[in-house]
Protein backbone atom coordinates (compact mmCIF):
# COMPACT_ATOMS: atom_id res chain seq x y z
CA MET A 1 20.47 26.99 3.65
CA SER A 2 22.30 29.84 5.44
CA ASP A 3 22.97 29.82 9.20
CA SER A 4 20.73 32.84 9.77
CA TYR A 5 17.92 31.06 7.91
CA ARG A 6 18.35 27.93 10.00
CA ARG A 7 18.10 29.91 13.24
CA TRP A 8 14.48 30.85 12.73
CA TRP A 9 13.39 27.97 10.51
CA PRO A 10 11.63 25.41 12.78
CA PRO A 11 12.83 21.80 13.02
CA ARG A 12 11.28 19.15 10.77
CA GLY A 13 9.00 17.73 13.49
CA VAL A 14 7.65 21.17 14.38
CA ARG A 15 7.08 21.96 10.70
CA ALA A 16 5.07 18.76 10.34
CA ASP A 17 2.95 19.67 13.37
CA LEU A 18 2.32 23.15 11.99
CA LEU A 19 1.14 21.65 8.71
CA ILE A 20 -1.14 19.24 10.60
CA ALA A 21 -2.59 22.10 12.63
CA ALA A 22 -3.18 24.20 9.52
CA GLY A 23 -4.82 21.27 7.75
CA ILE A 24 -7.16 20.61 10.67
CA ALA A 25 -8.14 24.29 10.87
CA VAL A 26 -8.86 24.54 7.14
CA ALA A 27 -10.79 21.24 7.12
CA SER A 28 -12.88 22.39 10.10
CA VAL A 29 -13.81 25.63 8.34
CA VAL A 30 -14.70 23.87 5.10
CA ALA A 31 -16.79 21.25 6.92
CA GLY A 32 -18.58 23.91 8.94
CA VAL A 33 -19.48 26.02 5.91
CA ALA A 34 -20.54 23.04 3.81
CA GLY A 35 -22.67 21.50 6.53
CA ALA A 36 -25.21 24.29 7.15
CA PRO A 37 -23.73 25.70 10.34
CA GLY A 38 -26.02 26.36 13.27
CA PRO A 39 -26.17 29.33 15.63
CA ALA A 40 -23.29 28.02 17.79
CA TRP A 41 -20.97 27.62 14.81
CA PRO A 42 -18.82 30.75 15.50
CA TYR A 43 -17.98 29.36 18.93
CA GLY A 44 -17.36 25.94 17.44
CA PHE A 45 -15.02 27.42 14.86
CA GLY A 46 -13.05 29.17 17.60
CA LEU A 47 -12.79 25.95 19.59
CA ALA A 48 -11.61 24.08 16.49
CA LEU A 49 -8.86 26.68 16.05
CA VAL A 50 -7.85 26.27 19.72
CA ALA A 51 -7.61 22.49 19.28
CA ALA A 52 -5.58 22.85 16.10
CA ALA A 53 -3.26 25.43 17.69
CA ALA A 54 -2.45 23.04 20.55
CA VAL A 55 -1.13 20.33 18.21
CA PRO A 56 2.38 21.84 17.73
CA ALA A 57 2.85 21.82 21.52
CA ARG A 58 2.38 18.04 21.78
CA ARG A 59 6.10 17.20 21.60
CA ARG A 60 7.10 19.44 24.49
CA TRP A 61 3.95 19.28 26.64
CA PRO A 62 2.04 16.14 25.59
CA VAL A 63 -0.29 16.00 28.59
CA GLY A 64 -0.93 19.75 28.76
CA ALA A 65 -1.64 20.01 25.04
CA SER A 66 -3.94 16.98 25.26
CA VAL A 67 -5.91 18.59 28.09
CA VAL A 68 -6.40 21.73 25.97
CA VAL A 69 -7.60 19.69 22.98
CA LEU A 70 -9.88 17.61 25.23
CA ALA A 71 -11.46 20.71 26.75
CA ALA A 72 -11.98 22.30 23.32
CA THR A 73 -13.48 19.08 21.93
CA LEU A 74 -15.88 18.60 24.84
CA ALA A 75 -16.97 22.24 24.70
CA TYR A 76 -17.49 21.99 20.93
CA PHE A 77 -19.88 19.06 21.19
CA ALA A 78 -21.56 20.43 24.33
CA LEU A 79 -22.70 23.38 22.21
CA GLY A 80 -24.55 20.96 19.94
CA ASN A 81 -22.17 21.24 17.00
CA PRO A 82 -22.02 18.32 14.53
CA MET A 83 -19.06 15.98 14.04
CA ASN A 84 -16.12 17.95 12.69
CA PRO A 85 -12.55 17.33 11.42
CA MET A 86 -11.29 18.89 14.65
CA VAL A 87 -11.56 15.33 15.98
CA LEU A 88 -8.35 14.74 14.01
CA ALA A 89 -6.53 16.98 16.49
CA TYR A 90 -7.68 14.73 19.30
CA MET A 91 -6.54 11.65 17.38
CA VAL A 92 -3.07 13.18 17.05
CA MET A 93 -2.97 13.84 20.79
CA LEU A 94 -4.11 10.29 21.63
CA TYR A 95 -1.34 8.92 19.41
CA THR A 96 1.20 11.15 21.18
CA LEU A 97 0.00 10.21 24.67
CA ALA A 98 0.14 6.49 23.92
CA GLU A 99 3.62 6.86 22.41
CA VAL A 100 5.10 9.06 25.15
CA ARG A 101 3.11 8.24 28.30
CA GLY A 102 1.70 4.80 27.58
CA ILE A 103 -1.61 3.29 26.57
CA ALA A 104 -3.11 3.68 30.06
CA VAL A 105 -2.88 7.49 29.98
CA SER A 106 -4.23 7.56 26.44
CA ALA A 107 -7.14 5.32 27.48
CA VAL A 108 -8.18 7.86 30.15
CA PHE A 109 -8.48 10.54 27.47
CA VAL A 110 -10.42 8.18 25.19
CA VAL A 111 -12.96 7.51 27.95
CA ALA A 112 -13.23 11.23 28.72
CA VAL A 113 -14.03 12.27 25.16
CA VAL A 114 -16.42 9.34 24.61
CA ALA A 115 -18.33 10.36 27.73
CA GLY A 116 -18.50 13.91 26.41
CA LEU A 117 -19.78 12.76 23.02
CA VAL A 118 -22.51 10.61 24.58
CA TRP A 119 -23.58 13.41 26.90
CA SER A 120 -23.64 16.12 24.22
CA GLU A 121 -26.92 17.36 22.75
CA SER A 122 -26.06 16.05 19.27
CA ALA A 123 -25.56 12.45 20.43
CA GLU A 124 -29.11 11.30 19.69
CA ASP A 125 -28.92 12.44 16.06
CA SER A 126 -25.47 11.14 15.22
CA GLN A 127 -24.99 7.73 16.84
CA GLY A 128 -23.28 6.41 13.71
CA ASP A 129 -20.86 9.32 13.63
CA ILE A 130 -20.04 8.80 17.30
CA PHE A 131 -19.27 5.12 16.84
CA ARG A 132 -17.07 5.89 13.86
CA ALA A 133 -15.26 8.60 15.81
CA VAL A 134 -14.67 6.24 18.74
CA GLY A 135 -13.25 3.67 16.35
CA TRP A 136 -10.81 6.19 14.91
CA LEU A 137 -9.81 7.38 18.38
CA LEU A 138 -9.06 3.83 19.50
CA THR A 139 -7.09 3.26 16.32
CA ALA A 140 -4.98 6.36 17.01
CA ALA A 141 -4.28 5.23 20.58
CA ALA A 142 -3.35 1.73 19.40
CA ALA A 143 -1.00 3.16 16.76
CA GLY A 144 0.71 5.23 19.44
CA ALA A 145 1.13 2.13 21.61
CA VAL A 146 2.75 0.30 18.68
CA ALA A 147 5.09 3.26 18.12
CA ARG A 148 6.01 3.23 21.82
CA GLN A 149 6.90 -0.46 21.65
CA ARG A 150 8.92 0.11 18.48
CA ASN A 151 10.83 2.98 20.11
CA SER A 152 11.52 0.81 23.15
CA THR A 153 12.87 -1.98 20.97
CA ILE A 154 15.12 0.43 19.08
CA ALA A 155 16.39 1.97 22.34
CA GLN A 156 17.19 -1.47 23.77
CA ALA A 157 19.06 -2.41 20.59
CA GLU A 158 21.06 0.82 20.78
CA ARG A 159 21.92 0.24 24.45
CA ARG A 160 22.99 -3.31 23.64
CA ALA A 161 25.07 -2.06 20.72
CA ARG A 162 26.79 0.53 22.91
CA ALA A 163 27.55 -2.09 25.56
CA GLU A 164 28.96 -4.47 22.95
CA GLU A 165 31.03 -1.66 21.45
CA ARG A 166 32.48 -0.80 24.87
CA LEU A 167 33.31 -4.46 25.36
CA ARG A 168 34.94 -4.66 21.94
CA ILE A 169 37.01 -1.54 22.61
CA ALA A 170 38.16 -2.89 25.98
CA ARG A 171 39.05 -6.25 24.42
CA ASP A 172 40.95 -4.65 21.55
CA LEU A 173 42.91 -2.34 23.83
CA HIS A 174 43.72 -5.23 26.14
CA ASP A 175 44.91 -7.34 23.22
CA ALA A 176 46.88 -4.51 21.67
CA LEU A 177 48.73 -3.42 24.80
CA GLY A 178 48.71 -6.30 27.28
CA HIS A 179 51.15 -8.52 25.41
CA ARG A 180 53.62 -5.74 24.61
CA LEU A 181 53.61 -4.35 28.13
CA SER A 182 54.20 -7.82 29.55
CA LEU A 183 57.26 -8.21 27.31
CA ILE A 184 58.51 -4.80 28.38
CA ASN A 185 58.10 -5.77 32.03
CA VAL A 186 60.00 -9.05 31.62
CA GLN A 187 62.80 -7.47 29.60
CA ALA A 188 63.13 -4.56 32.03
CA ALA A 189 63.52 -6.99 34.93
CA ALA A 190 66.15 -8.92 32.94
CA ALA A 191 68.03 -5.72 32.08
CA LEU A 192 68.17 -4.65 35.72
CA HIS A 193 69.43 -8.07 36.72
CA ARG A 194 72.18 -8.15 34.06
CA LEU A 195 73.21 -4.51 34.14
CA GLY A 196 76.13 -4.97 36.52
CA GLU A 197 77.58 -8.35 35.53
CA HIS A 198 76.55 -8.70 31.85
CA PRO A 199 76.10 -5.24 30.34
CA GLU A 200 76.00 -6.67 26.80
CA ARG A 201 72.97 -8.78 27.72
CA ALA A 202 71.37 -5.79 29.39
CA GLU A 203 71.86 -3.85 26.18
CA SER A 204 70.06 -6.62 24.27
CA ALA A 205 67.18 -6.51 26.75
CA LEU A 206 66.92 -2.72 26.44
CA ALA A 207 66.81 -3.05 22.65
CA ALA A 208 63.96 -5.54 23.04
CA ILE A 209 62.17 -3.07 25.33
CA LYS A 210 62.54 -0.35 22.72
CA GLU A 211 61.16 -2.63 20.00
CA ALA A 212 58.24 -3.83 22.17
CA SER A 213 57.32 -0.27 23.14
CA ARG A 214 57.40 0.81 19.48
CA GLU A 215 55.10 -2.05 18.53
CA ALA A 216 52.80 -1.27 21.48
CA LEU A 217 52.45 2.29 20.21
CA GLY A 218 51.75 0.93 16.73
CA ASP A 219 49.05 -1.39 18.06
CA LEU A 220 47.50 1.47 20.03
CA ARG A 221 47.51 3.74 16.98
CA ALA A 222 45.94 1.00 14.90
CA THR A 223 43.14 0.48 17.42
CA LEU A 224 42.48 4.20 17.82
CA GLY A 225 42.54 4.67 14.06
CA MET A 226 39.85 2.05 13.59
CA LEU A 227 37.76 3.48 16.42
CA ARG A 228 37.82 6.89 14.73
CA GLN A 229 36.60 5.31 11.51
CA ALA A 230 33.82 3.33 13.19
CA ASP A 231 30.19 4.31 12.65
CA GLU A 232 28.42 6.11 15.48
CA ARG A 233 25.93 3.24 15.72
CA ALA A 234 27.91 0.25 16.88
CA PRO A 235 27.33 -3.18 15.37
CA THR A 236 25.51 -5.80 17.40
CA GLY A 237 27.18 -8.79 15.74
CA PRO A 238 30.77 -9.92 15.42
CA PRO A 239 33.54 -7.32 15.11
CA PRO A 240 33.89 -5.75 11.67
CA ALA A 241 35.98 -7.74 9.24
CA VAL A 242 39.51 -6.53 8.65
CA ALA A 243 42.27 -7.93 6.51
CA PRO A 244 45.38 -9.54 8.06
CA ALA A 245 48.59 -7.59 8.20
CA THR A 246 51.93 -7.52 9.92
CA LEU A 247 52.63 -5.24 12.82
CA GLU A 248 54.55 -2.86 10.57
CA ALA A 249 51.20 -1.83 9.08
CA ALA A 250 49.97 -0.55 12.43
CA GLU A 251 49.90 3.17 11.79
CA VAL A 252 47.29 5.83 12.37
CA GLY A 253 44.33 5.87 10.00
CA GLY A 254 43.38 2.94 7.85
CA ALA A 255 45.63 0.60 9.83
CA GLU A 256 44.98 -3.11 9.60
CA ARG A 257 45.08 -5.64 12.39
CA PRO A 258 47.54 -8.53 12.52
CA GLY A 259 46.64 -12.11 11.63
CA MET A 260 48.40 -15.42 11.12
CA ALA A 261 50.97 -13.72 8.89
CA ALA A 262 52.32 -11.97 12.00
CA LEU A 263 52.60 -15.09 14.20
CA ASP A 264 56.31 -15.59 13.48
CA ARG A 265 57.07 -12.09 14.67
CA LEU A 266 54.85 -12.56 17.72
CA ILE A 267 56.60 -15.78 18.69
CA ALA A 268 60.02 -14.21 18.11
CA GLY A 269 59.11 -11.54 20.63
CA ALA A 270 58.06 -14.18 23.16
CA ARG A 271 61.35 -16.02 22.65
CA GLU A 272 63.27 -12.86 23.52
CA THR A 273 61.88 -13.16 27.05
CA GLY A 274 63.59 -16.55 27.41
CA LEU A 275 60.53 -18.66 26.67
CA ALA A 276 61.13 -21.51 24.22
CA VAL A 277 58.17 -21.43 21.84
CA ARG A 278 57.43 -23.98 19.12
CA LEU A 279 54.97 -23.25 16.33
CA ARG A 280 53.26 -25.95 14.26
CA VAL A 281 50.62 -25.39 11.58
CA GLU A 282 48.91 -28.53 10.30
CA CYS A 283 46.63 -28.69 7.29
CA GLY A 284 45.27 -31.64 5.33
CA ARG A 285 45.85 -29.94 2.00
CA ALA A 286 48.82 -28.38 0.31
CA ALA A 287 47.96 -24.77 1.15
CA VAL A 288 46.51 -23.30 4.31
CA PRO A 289 42.88 -22.28 3.60
CA ALA A 290 42.03 -18.60 3.59
CA LEU A 291 40.47 -17.54 6.85
CA ALA A 292 37.74 -14.97 7.16
CA PRO A 293 39.48 -11.72 8.17
CA GLU A 294 37.89 -11.64 11.62
CA VAL A 295 38.90 -15.28 12.24
CA ASP A 296 42.45 -14.57 11.07
CA GLN A 297 42.62 -11.76 13.60
CA ALA A 298 41.09 -13.91 16.35
CA VAL A 299 43.69 -16.66 15.84
CA TYR A 300 46.47 -14.13 16.31
CA ARG A 301 44.86 -12.50 19.35
CA ILE A 302 44.21 -15.81 21.10
CA VAL A 303 47.82 -16.93 20.60
CA GLN A 304 49.03 -13.52 21.72
CA GLU A 305 46.98 -13.51 24.92
CA ALA A 306 47.84 -17.13 25.74
CA LEU A 307 51.59 -16.44 25.38
CA THR A 308 51.18 -13.29 27.46
CA ASN A 309 49.64 -15.34 30.27
CA VAL A 310 52.46 -17.91 29.99
CA THR A 311 55.20 -15.30 30.38
CA ARG A 312 53.34 -13.39 33.06
CA HIS A 313 51.95 -16.07 35.36
CA SER A 314 53.02 -19.65 34.71
CA GLY A 315 56.79 -19.61 35.16
CA ALA A 316 57.02 -21.95 32.18
CA GLY A 317 60.21 -22.60 30.26
CA SER A 318 58.57 -23.65 27.01
CA ALA A 319 55.27 -23.42 25.16
CA ALA A 320 53.82 -25.11 22.09
CA VAL A 321 51.55 -23.29 19.66
CA GLU A 322 49.58 -25.58 17.35
CA ILE A 323 47.14 -24.51 14.65
CA GLU A 324 45.21 -27.28 12.92
CA PHE A 325 42.76 -26.98 10.04
CA ASP A 326 39.96 -29.54 9.75
CA ASP A 327 38.57 -29.65 6.22
CA GLY A 328 35.66 -31.87 7.25
CA SER A 329 34.22 -29.55 9.90
CA GLY A 330 35.43 -26.31 8.34
CA GLN A 331 37.05 -25.30 11.62
CA VAL A 332 40.47 -24.26 12.79
CA THR A 333 41.77 -25.35 16.20
CA VAL A 334 44.24 -23.19 18.09
CA ARG A 335 46.15 -24.71 21.01
CA VAL A 336 48.73 -23.12 23.29
CA ASP A 337 50.21 -25.49 25.90
CA ASP A 338 52.98 -24.71 28.37
CA ASP A 339 55.02 -26.67 30.91
CA GLY A 340 54.56 -24.25 33.76
CA SER A 341 52.14 -24.15 36.66
CA ALA A 342 48.85 -25.94 36.04
CA VAL A 343 47.06 -23.28 38.09
CA PRO A 344 45.81 -20.27 36.12
CA GLY A 345 47.05 -16.83 37.08
CA PRO A 346 45.07 -14.31 39.10
CA PRO A 347 41.67 -13.39 37.68
CA GLY A 348 41.82 -10.86 34.86
CA HIS A 349 40.34 -10.01 31.51
CA GLY A 350 42.58 -12.15 29.30
CA ILE A 351 40.85 -15.54 29.34
CA ARG A 352 37.42 -13.94 29.41
CA GLY A 353 38.36 -11.78 26.42
CA MET A 354 39.56 -14.85 24.48
CA ARG A 355 36.34 -16.69 25.27
CA GLU A 356 34.20 -13.71 24.21
CA ARG A 357 36.17 -13.35 20.99
CA ALA A 358 35.66 -17.03 20.14
CA ALA A 359 31.95 -16.92 21.01
CA ALA A 360 31.41 -13.84 18.82
CA LEU A 361 32.60 -15.88 15.83
CA GLY A 362 30.47 -18.93 16.64
CA GLY A 363 33.37 -20.84 18.19
CA GLU A 364 34.37 -21.97 21.65
CA LEU A 365 37.36 -21.80 23.96
CA ALA A 366 38.48 -24.09 26.78
CA THR A 367 41.26 -23.64 29.32
CA GLY A 368 42.63 -25.83 32.09
CA PRO A 369 45.51 -27.92 33.44
CA LEU A 370 47.06 -30.57 31.20
CA ALA A 371 47.27 -34.25 32.12
CA GLY A 372 51.07 -34.27 31.98
CA GLY A 373 51.47 -30.97 33.77
CA GLY A 374 51.26 -27.41 32.58
CA PHE A 375 48.34 -25.33 31.41
CA GLY A 376 46.54 -25.31 28.07
CA VAL A 377 44.32 -23.03 26.01
CA SER A 378 42.28 -24.52 23.17
CA ALA A 379 39.97 -22.66 20.79
CA ARG A 380 37.84 -23.94 17.91
CA LEU A 381 36.75 -21.36 15.36
CA PRO A 382 34.81 -21.64 12.08
CA VAL A 383 37.11 -20.89 9.16
CA ARG A 384 34.45 -18.68 7.54
CA GLY A 385 33.45 -16.89 10.72
CA ALA A 386 30.01 -16.44 12.26
CA GLY A 387 26.97 -17.18 10.10
């Protein structure tokens, strides 16, 4: 369809209303001719056309269009005309009112037209038709109320999805940048301290800063690349599954997020800050079981955030990272313990983000001081993910 054609071609909803209006007008004429029209029929036909013509205006002016159809309907029956398909126009308006304005407004219009039908001159001869018409009018209003409830449910789901998507974006950006920027901060402080007396050590720290900044840019590009590829309607469940990858894969477009395969590199970066980190992976079988992609990513992110908090807040000299697979429960436990201050750092988004990430997968996370001193983070996640 050309652009010039689209400019004057009405939208789909308006086209549907025009077809409804035309159908009501034709049906009214056919019914009037076939039913031995009386002397007031020409006026009734004109009123039926007025009611049909008001239907396409229901989307923009629902109340105004309904008032026009109500007036035409009451005038039609006041002239003594028999039951006519123009009542369909009123049913459409009742549906619209109940959907847009609520069942209470629609009920007012139902009462108004019923009163007009009972008062009209033709009421005594067509009680059965009146009762049937009232039944159809109530059905139309009820259908509109159901549509209103459905629209409300859909809107709530979309708002919830948008809120969850904003939370996921904030969590991913925090995870992607927080750890790298913390390393840069620590290494920059070390470089300034060593610049005068130990220039060779300062050079090593600057090299670490360069590497951390490069990886931070890679993480940011990976996150932005996935956001560009995301659907407009955000998911309401756990984050979309992605395959594990090392940080070298973090490039724009189609980039993958890191998992357990990148833990060695992550821990090496933490060691460059002077923190002694020990990694232990324990499994009851010969090979580590395959994690669901989103769980693989969560294990990495939880370790990353926990080590970031250790280097930033605790003043610890060492930390232990332990990952244990339990075949019986089908869960993986991630622990990060340090020997620093047992008091958590100032409030931030890190621990809350870890807890939200674990909960989204059907797991749990606990933090707190250790019995022998230091601070610990412990997460239990299902190997297969949520569901």
